[in-house]
C-alpha cells in the first residue's frame, strides 16, 4: 500500500468489524474522504493530526433512499470503477464465516447463489 499513499480522493469502506483506520487515512490526498458504510459497534481509532493536517473527512451513512445508491452506482459507472470482490458458492459459506472470524478476508464476499447447487 506504500505506493498508493496520498493518491486517493475517496475510500468507500464497507468493512463491518473493528479495524485500524490509519492505513486507509494515509492513502487519502489532501481533502480526501473516508466513507464508512459498514456499521461498527466499537469506537473508531485514528490519529487526529493525520485527519486535521490532511484536511481529511471521516463520514458515514446507512443506506438511505434508493436515490443515494443509484447516484453512487452512476458515479462508479462514469468513472469506470469496479469493486474488488471474492465470489463464492453457497457451499463455501461456512468457510467464509471462519475466514471472517480469523480476519482472513482481503475483499468483500459475494455469494453466487445462481451458481450454487441446492438439494431439491
N, C-alpha and C. Protein backbone atom coordinates (compact mmCIF):
# COMPACT_ATOMS: atom_id res chain seq x y z
N UNK A 1 0.82 -1.20 0.00
CA UNK A 1 0.00 0.00 0.00
C UNK A 1 0.86 1.26 0.00
N UNK A 2 2.13 1.12 0.27
CA UNK A 2 3.00 2.28 0.36
C UNK A 2 2.99 3.12 -0.92
N UNK A 3 2.96 2.46 -2.08
CA UNK A 3 2.97 3.20 -3.34
C UNK A 3 1.68 3.98 -3.59
N UNK A 4 0.63 3.69 -2.83
CA UNK A 4 -0.66 4.38 -3.00
C UNK A 4 -0.86 5.53 -2.00
N UNK A 5 0.11 5.81 -1.13
CA UNK A 5 -0.02 6.87 -0.14
C UNK A 5 -0.31 8.21 -0.82
N UNK A 6 -1.25 8.96 -0.26
CA UNK A 6 -1.65 10.29 -0.77
C UNK A 6 -2.13 10.25 -2.22
N UNK A 7 -2.80 9.18 -2.63
CA UNK A 7 -3.19 9.08 -4.04
C UNK A 7 -4.70 9.01 -4.29
N UNK A 8 -5.50 8.83 -3.23
CA UNK A 8 -6.93 8.63 -3.43
C UNK A 8 -7.76 9.82 -2.96
N UNK A 9 -8.81 10.13 -3.71
CA UNK A 9 -9.75 11.18 -3.31
C UNK A 9 -10.76 10.65 -2.30
N UNK A 10 -11.23 9.40 -2.52
CA UNK A 10 -12.25 8.79 -1.68
C UNK A 10 -11.90 7.33 -1.42
N UNK A 11 -12.33 6.85 -0.27
CA UNK A 11 -12.33 5.42 0.01
C UNK A 11 -13.72 5.10 0.56
N UNK A 12 -14.39 4.14 -0.05
CA UNK A 12 -15.66 3.65 0.48
C UNK A 12 -15.33 2.38 1.24
N UNK A 13 -15.42 2.47 2.56
CA UNK A 13 -15.02 1.38 3.44
C UNK A 13 -16.27 0.61 3.87
N UNK A 14 -16.39 -0.65 3.46
CA UNK A 14 -17.57 -1.45 3.77
C UNK A 14 -17.30 -2.50 4.85
N UNK A 15 -16.14 -2.44 5.49
CA UNK A 15 -15.77 -3.43 6.50
C UNK A 15 -16.64 -3.25 7.75
N UNK A 16 -17.43 -4.28 8.14
CA UNK A 16 -18.36 -4.12 9.26
C UNK A 16 -17.79 -4.55 10.62
N UNK A 17 -16.48 -4.68 10.76
CA UNK A 17 -15.86 -5.05 12.03
C UNK A 17 -14.75 -4.06 12.35
N UNK A 18 -14.34 -4.04 13.61
CA UNK A 18 -13.28 -3.12 14.03
C UNK A 18 -12.01 -3.37 13.20
N UNK A 19 -11.39 -2.29 12.77
CA UNK A 19 -10.11 -2.35 12.06
C UNK A 19 -9.46 -0.97 12.16
N UNK A 20 -8.13 -0.91 12.12
CA UNK A 20 -7.45 0.39 12.21
C UNK A 20 -7.72 1.24 10.97
N UNK A 21 -7.96 2.52 11.18
CA UNK A 21 -8.23 3.43 10.07
C UNK A 21 -6.97 4.11 9.54
N UNK A 22 -5.91 4.15 10.35
CA UNK A 22 -4.69 4.86 9.96
C UNK A 22 -4.16 4.44 8.59
N UNK A 23 -4.08 3.14 8.27
CA UNK A 23 -3.56 2.78 6.95
C UNK A 23 -4.40 3.34 5.80
N UNK A 24 -5.70 3.42 6.01
CA UNK A 24 -6.58 3.94 4.97
C UNK A 24 -6.49 5.46 4.87
N UNK A 25 -6.41 6.12 6.01
CA UNK A 25 -6.29 7.59 6.01
C UNK A 25 -5.02 8.03 5.30
N UNK A 26 -3.96 7.25 5.41
CA UNK A 26 -2.70 7.63 4.76
C UNK A 26 -2.80 7.56 3.24
N UNK A 27 -3.76 6.82 2.72
CA UNK A 27 -3.93 6.70 1.27
C UNK A 27 -4.64 7.91 0.67
N UNK A 28 -5.31 8.69 1.51
CA UNK A 28 -6.11 9.82 1.02
C UNK A 28 -5.26 11.05 0.73
N UNK A 29 -5.61 11.72 -0.37
CA UNK A 29 -4.99 13.00 -0.71
C UNK A 29 -5.46 14.08 0.26
N UNK A 30 -4.93 15.27 0.13
CA UNK A 30 -5.42 16.44 0.85
C UNK A 30 -6.91 16.58 0.54
N UNK A 31 -7.73 16.81 1.54
CA UNK A 31 -9.19 16.92 1.43
C UNK A 31 -9.87 15.61 1.06
N UNK A 32 -9.20 14.48 1.23
CA UNK A 32 -9.79 13.18 0.91
C UNK A 32 -10.88 12.79 1.90
N UNK A 33 -11.72 11.86 1.49
CA UNK A 33 -12.84 11.41 2.33
C UNK A 33 -12.80 9.91 2.51
N UNK A 34 -12.92 9.49 3.77
CA UNK A 34 -13.09 8.09 4.12
C UNK A 34 -14.56 7.91 4.46
N UNK A 35 -15.28 7.14 3.65
CA UNK A 35 -16.72 6.98 3.82
C UNK A 35 -16.98 5.60 4.39
N UNK A 36 -17.50 5.55 5.61
CA UNK A 36 -17.77 4.29 6.29
C UNK A 36 -19.19 3.83 5.99
N UNK A 37 -19.30 2.61 5.46
CA UNK A 37 -20.61 2.04 5.14
C UNK A 37 -20.91 0.82 6.02
N UNK A 38 -19.89 0.24 6.61
CA UNK A 38 -20.08 -0.92 7.48
C UNK A 38 -20.25 -0.46 8.92
N UNK A 39 -21.34 -0.86 9.56
CA UNK A 39 -21.61 -0.45 10.94
C UNK A 39 -20.64 -1.17 11.89
N UNK A 40 -19.98 -0.40 12.76
CA UNK A 40 -19.01 -0.93 13.71
C UNK A 40 -19.50 -0.56 15.11
N UNK A 41 -19.54 -1.54 16.00
CA UNK A 41 -20.05 -1.30 17.35
C UNK A 41 -18.99 -0.95 18.37
N UNK A 42 -17.78 -0.68 17.93
CA UNK A 42 -16.71 -0.26 18.84
C UNK A 42 -16.23 1.12 18.42
N UNK A 43 -15.64 1.88 19.35
CA UNK A 43 -15.16 3.23 18.99
C UNK A 43 -14.10 3.17 17.90
N UNK A 44 -14.15 4.14 17.01
CA UNK A 44 -13.14 4.25 15.96
C UNK A 44 -11.83 4.74 16.56
N UNK A 45 -10.71 4.29 16.00
CA UNK A 45 -9.41 4.75 16.47
C UNK A 45 -8.61 5.26 15.28
N UNK A 46 -8.16 6.50 15.39
CA UNK A 46 -7.34 7.10 14.35
C UNK A 46 -6.52 8.21 14.98
N UNK A 47 -5.50 8.65 14.27
CA UNK A 47 -4.61 9.71 14.75
C UNK A 47 -5.19 11.04 14.27
N UNK A 48 -5.67 11.86 15.20
CA UNK A 48 -6.37 13.08 14.80
C UNK A 48 -5.51 14.07 14.01
N UNK A 49 -4.20 14.26 14.30
CA UNK A 49 -3.42 15.18 13.46
C UNK A 49 -3.38 14.75 11.99
N UNK A 50 -3.41 13.43 11.74
CA UNK A 50 -3.41 12.95 10.37
C UNK A 50 -4.66 13.44 9.64
N UNK A 51 -5.78 13.46 10.36
CA UNK A 51 -7.04 13.93 9.78
C UNK A 51 -7.02 15.45 9.63
N UNK A 52 -6.61 16.14 10.67
CA UNK A 52 -6.66 17.61 10.67
C UNK A 52 -5.65 18.22 9.71
N UNK A 53 -4.41 17.76 9.74
CA UNK A 53 -3.38 18.34 8.87
C UNK A 53 -3.64 18.02 7.40
N UNK A 54 -4.23 16.86 7.14
CA UNK A 54 -4.54 16.49 5.77
C UNK A 54 -5.90 16.96 5.32
N UNK A 55 -6.60 17.70 6.22
CA UNK A 55 -7.96 18.17 5.94
C UNK A 55 -8.82 17.03 5.39
N UNK A 56 -8.70 15.87 6.06
CA UNK A 56 -9.42 14.68 5.63
C UNK A 56 -10.74 14.60 6.38
N UNK A 57 -11.69 13.93 5.77
CA UNK A 57 -13.02 13.79 6.35
C UNK A 57 -13.32 12.31 6.56
N UNK A 58 -13.84 11.99 7.74
CA UNK A 58 -14.36 10.66 8.01
C UNK A 58 -15.87 10.82 8.14
N UNK A 59 -16.59 10.16 7.28
CA UNK A 59 -18.04 10.28 7.29
C UNK A 59 -18.65 8.90 7.10
N UNK A 60 -19.94 8.79 7.21
CA UNK A 60 -20.59 7.51 7.03
C UNK A 60 -22.06 7.66 6.76
N UNK A 61 -22.64 6.56 6.34
CA UNK A 61 -24.07 6.59 6.04
C UNK A 61 -24.61 5.17 6.03
N UNK A 62 -25.78 5.02 6.60
CA UNK A 62 -26.54 3.81 6.34
C UNK A 62 -27.22 4.04 5.01
N UNK A 63 -27.61 3.00 4.36
CA UNK A 63 -28.30 3.16 3.09
C UNK A 63 -29.58 3.96 3.34
N UNK A 64 -29.77 4.99 2.57
CA UNK A 64 -30.95 5.83 2.69
C UNK A 64 -31.97 5.45 1.64
N UNK A 65 -32.41 6.43 0.89
CA UNK A 65 -33.38 6.18 -0.17
C UNK A 65 -32.70 5.47 -1.33
N UNK A 66 -33.47 5.01 -2.27
CA UNK A 66 -32.92 4.37 -3.47
C UNK A 66 -32.11 5.35 -4.30
N UNK A 67 -32.40 6.64 -4.16
CA UNK A 67 -31.69 7.65 -4.95
C UNK A 67 -30.19 7.65 -4.63
N UNK A 68 -29.83 7.51 -3.37
CA UNK A 68 -28.42 7.53 -2.98
C UNK A 68 -27.62 6.39 -3.60
N UNK A 69 -28.06 5.12 -3.49
CA UNK A 69 -27.30 4.05 -4.15
C UNK A 69 -27.27 4.21 -5.67
N UNK A 70 -28.36 4.70 -6.25
CA UNK A 70 -28.38 4.91 -7.70
C UNK A 70 -27.35 5.96 -8.11
N UNK A 71 -27.23 7.05 -7.33
CA UNK A 71 -26.24 8.08 -7.63
C UNK A 71 -24.83 7.52 -7.49
N UNK A 72 -24.61 6.70 -6.45
CA UNK A 72 -23.29 6.11 -6.24
C UNK A 72 -22.94 5.18 -7.39
N UNK A 73 -23.88 4.33 -7.80
CA UNK A 73 -23.62 3.41 -8.90
C UNK A 73 -23.37 4.15 -10.21
N UNK A 74 -24.10 5.23 -10.44
CA UNK A 74 -23.89 6.04 -11.63
C UNK A 74 -22.49 6.67 -11.62
N UNK A 75 -22.08 7.17 -10.45
CA UNK A 75 -20.73 7.73 -10.30
C UNK A 75 -19.68 6.67 -10.64
N UNK A 76 -19.85 5.46 -10.11
CA UNK A 76 -18.91 4.38 -10.38
C UNK A 76 -18.89 4.07 -11.87
N UNK A 77 -20.07 4.04 -12.51
CA UNK A 77 -20.14 3.75 -13.94
C UNK A 77 -19.40 4.82 -14.74
N UNK A 78 -19.64 6.08 -14.41
CA UNK A 78 -18.99 7.20 -15.12
C UNK A 78 -17.47 7.15 -14.99
N UNK A 79 -16.99 6.76 -13.84
CA UNK A 79 -15.54 6.74 -13.58
C UNK A 79 -14.89 5.41 -13.97
N UNK A 80 -15.70 4.44 -14.37
CA UNK A 80 -15.16 3.13 -14.74
C UNK A 80 -14.64 2.36 -13.54
N UNK A 81 -15.20 2.59 -12.36
CA UNK A 81 -14.75 1.93 -11.13
C UNK A 81 -15.38 0.55 -11.00
N UNK A 82 -14.66 -0.35 -10.37
CA UNK A 82 -15.17 -1.68 -10.11
C UNK A 82 -14.80 -2.05 -8.67
N UNK A 83 -15.66 -2.82 -8.04
CA UNK A 83 -15.36 -3.25 -6.68
C UNK A 83 -14.50 -4.51 -6.73
N UNK A 84 -13.73 -4.71 -5.68
CA UNK A 84 -12.89 -5.89 -5.58
C UNK A 84 -13.63 -6.87 -4.68
N UNK A 85 -14.01 -8.01 -5.26
CA UNK A 85 -14.81 -8.99 -4.52
C UNK A 85 -14.18 -10.37 -4.62
N UNK A 86 -14.62 -11.23 -3.75
CA UNK A 86 -14.28 -12.64 -3.84
C UNK A 86 -15.61 -13.38 -3.99
N UNK A 87 -15.85 -13.95 -5.17
CA UNK A 87 -17.09 -14.66 -5.47
C UNK A 87 -16.99 -16.08 -4.93
N UNK A 88 -17.99 -16.50 -4.16
CA UNK A 88 -18.01 -17.85 -3.60
C UNK A 88 -19.37 -18.49 -3.85
N UNK A 89 -19.39 -19.80 -3.84
CA UNK A 89 -20.65 -20.53 -3.96
C UNK A 89 -21.22 -20.78 -2.57
N UNK A 90 -22.50 -21.11 -2.54
CA UNK A 90 -23.22 -21.27 -1.28
C UNK A 90 -22.57 -22.34 -0.38
N UNK A 91 -22.01 -23.40 -0.97
CA UNK A 91 -21.43 -24.45 -0.15
C UNK A 91 -20.12 -24.03 0.52
N UNK A 92 -19.65 -22.84 0.25
CA UNK A 92 -18.42 -22.29 0.84
C UNK A 92 -18.72 -21.33 2.00
N UNK A 93 -20.00 -21.12 2.29
CA UNK A 93 -20.40 -20.11 3.28
C UNK A 93 -19.81 -20.37 4.66
N UNK A 94 -19.79 -21.62 5.11
CA UNK A 94 -19.22 -21.91 6.44
C UNK A 94 -17.74 -21.55 6.50
N UNK A 95 -17.02 -21.78 5.43
CA UNK A 95 -15.60 -21.40 5.37
C UNK A 95 -15.48 -19.88 5.37
N UNK A 96 -16.38 -19.20 4.67
CA UNK A 96 -16.39 -17.74 4.66
C UNK A 96 -16.53 -17.22 6.09
N UNK A 97 -17.46 -17.79 6.85
CA UNK A 97 -17.65 -17.35 8.24
C UNK A 97 -16.40 -17.59 9.08
N UNK A 98 -15.75 -18.72 8.88
CA UNK A 98 -14.50 -18.99 9.59
C UNK A 98 -13.42 -17.98 9.21
N UNK A 99 -13.34 -17.65 7.93
CA UNK A 99 -12.34 -16.68 7.48
C UNK A 99 -12.64 -15.30 8.05
N UNK A 100 -13.91 -14.94 8.13
CA UNK A 100 -14.28 -13.65 8.72
C UNK A 100 -13.83 -13.58 10.18
N UNK A 101 -14.05 -14.67 10.91
CA UNK A 101 -13.65 -14.72 12.32
C UNK A 101 -12.13 -14.59 12.47
N UNK A 102 -11.37 -15.14 11.53
CA UNK A 102 -9.90 -15.09 11.58
C UNK A 102 -9.35 -13.80 10.97
N UNK A 103 -10.23 -12.95 10.45
CA UNK A 103 -9.83 -11.71 9.76
C UNK A 103 -8.95 -12.05 8.54
N UNK A 104 -9.29 -13.14 7.87
CA UNK A 104 -8.57 -13.61 6.69
C UNK A 104 -9.36 -13.25 5.43
N UNK A 105 -9.69 -11.97 5.30
CA UNK A 105 -10.52 -11.53 4.19
C UNK A 105 -9.84 -10.35 3.53
N UNK A 106 -9.62 -10.44 2.24
CA UNK A 106 -9.00 -9.33 1.53
C UNK A 106 -10.04 -8.49 0.80
N UNK A 107 -11.07 -9.14 0.26
CA UNK A 107 -12.11 -8.44 -0.49
C UNK A 107 -13.48 -8.78 0.10
N UNK A 108 -14.49 -8.06 -0.34
CA UNK A 108 -15.85 -8.33 0.10
C UNK A 108 -16.32 -9.64 -0.53
N UNK A 109 -16.97 -10.49 0.26
CA UNK A 109 -17.51 -11.74 -0.26
C UNK A 109 -18.84 -11.49 -0.95
N UNK A 110 -19.02 -12.13 -2.09
CA UNK A 110 -20.30 -12.14 -2.79
C UNK A 110 -20.66 -13.60 -3.01
N UNK A 111 -21.85 -13.98 -2.57
CA UNK A 111 -22.28 -15.36 -2.71
C UNK A 111 -23.01 -15.53 -4.04
N UNK A 112 -22.51 -16.43 -4.87
CA UNK A 112 -23.09 -16.72 -6.17
C UNK A 112 -24.16 -17.77 -5.98
N UNK A 113 -25.36 -17.33 -5.68
CA UNK A 113 -26.46 -18.27 -5.44
C UNK A 113 -26.83 -19.01 -6.72
N UNK A 114 -26.83 -18.30 -7.85
CA UNK A 114 -27.21 -18.93 -9.12
C UNK A 114 -26.26 -20.06 -9.49
N UNK A 115 -24.98 -19.92 -9.15
CA UNK A 115 -24.01 -20.95 -9.50
C UNK A 115 -23.88 -22.05 -8.46
N UNK A 116 -24.66 -21.97 -7.41
CA UNK A 116 -24.58 -22.95 -6.33
C UNK A 116 -25.54 -24.11 -6.61
N UNK A 117 -25.19 -25.28 -6.07
CA UNK A 117 -26.05 -26.45 -6.21
C UNK A 117 -26.84 -26.61 -4.92
N UNK A 118 -28.13 -26.73 -5.06
CA UNK A 118 -29.00 -26.91 -3.91
C UNK A 118 -29.67 -28.28 -4.03
N UNK A 119 -29.77 -28.97 -2.89
CA UNK A 119 -30.50 -30.24 -2.88
C UNK A 119 -31.98 -29.92 -3.03
N UNK A 120 -32.62 -30.57 -3.95
CA UNK A 120 -34.04 -30.31 -4.23
C UNK A 120 -34.91 -31.24 -3.43
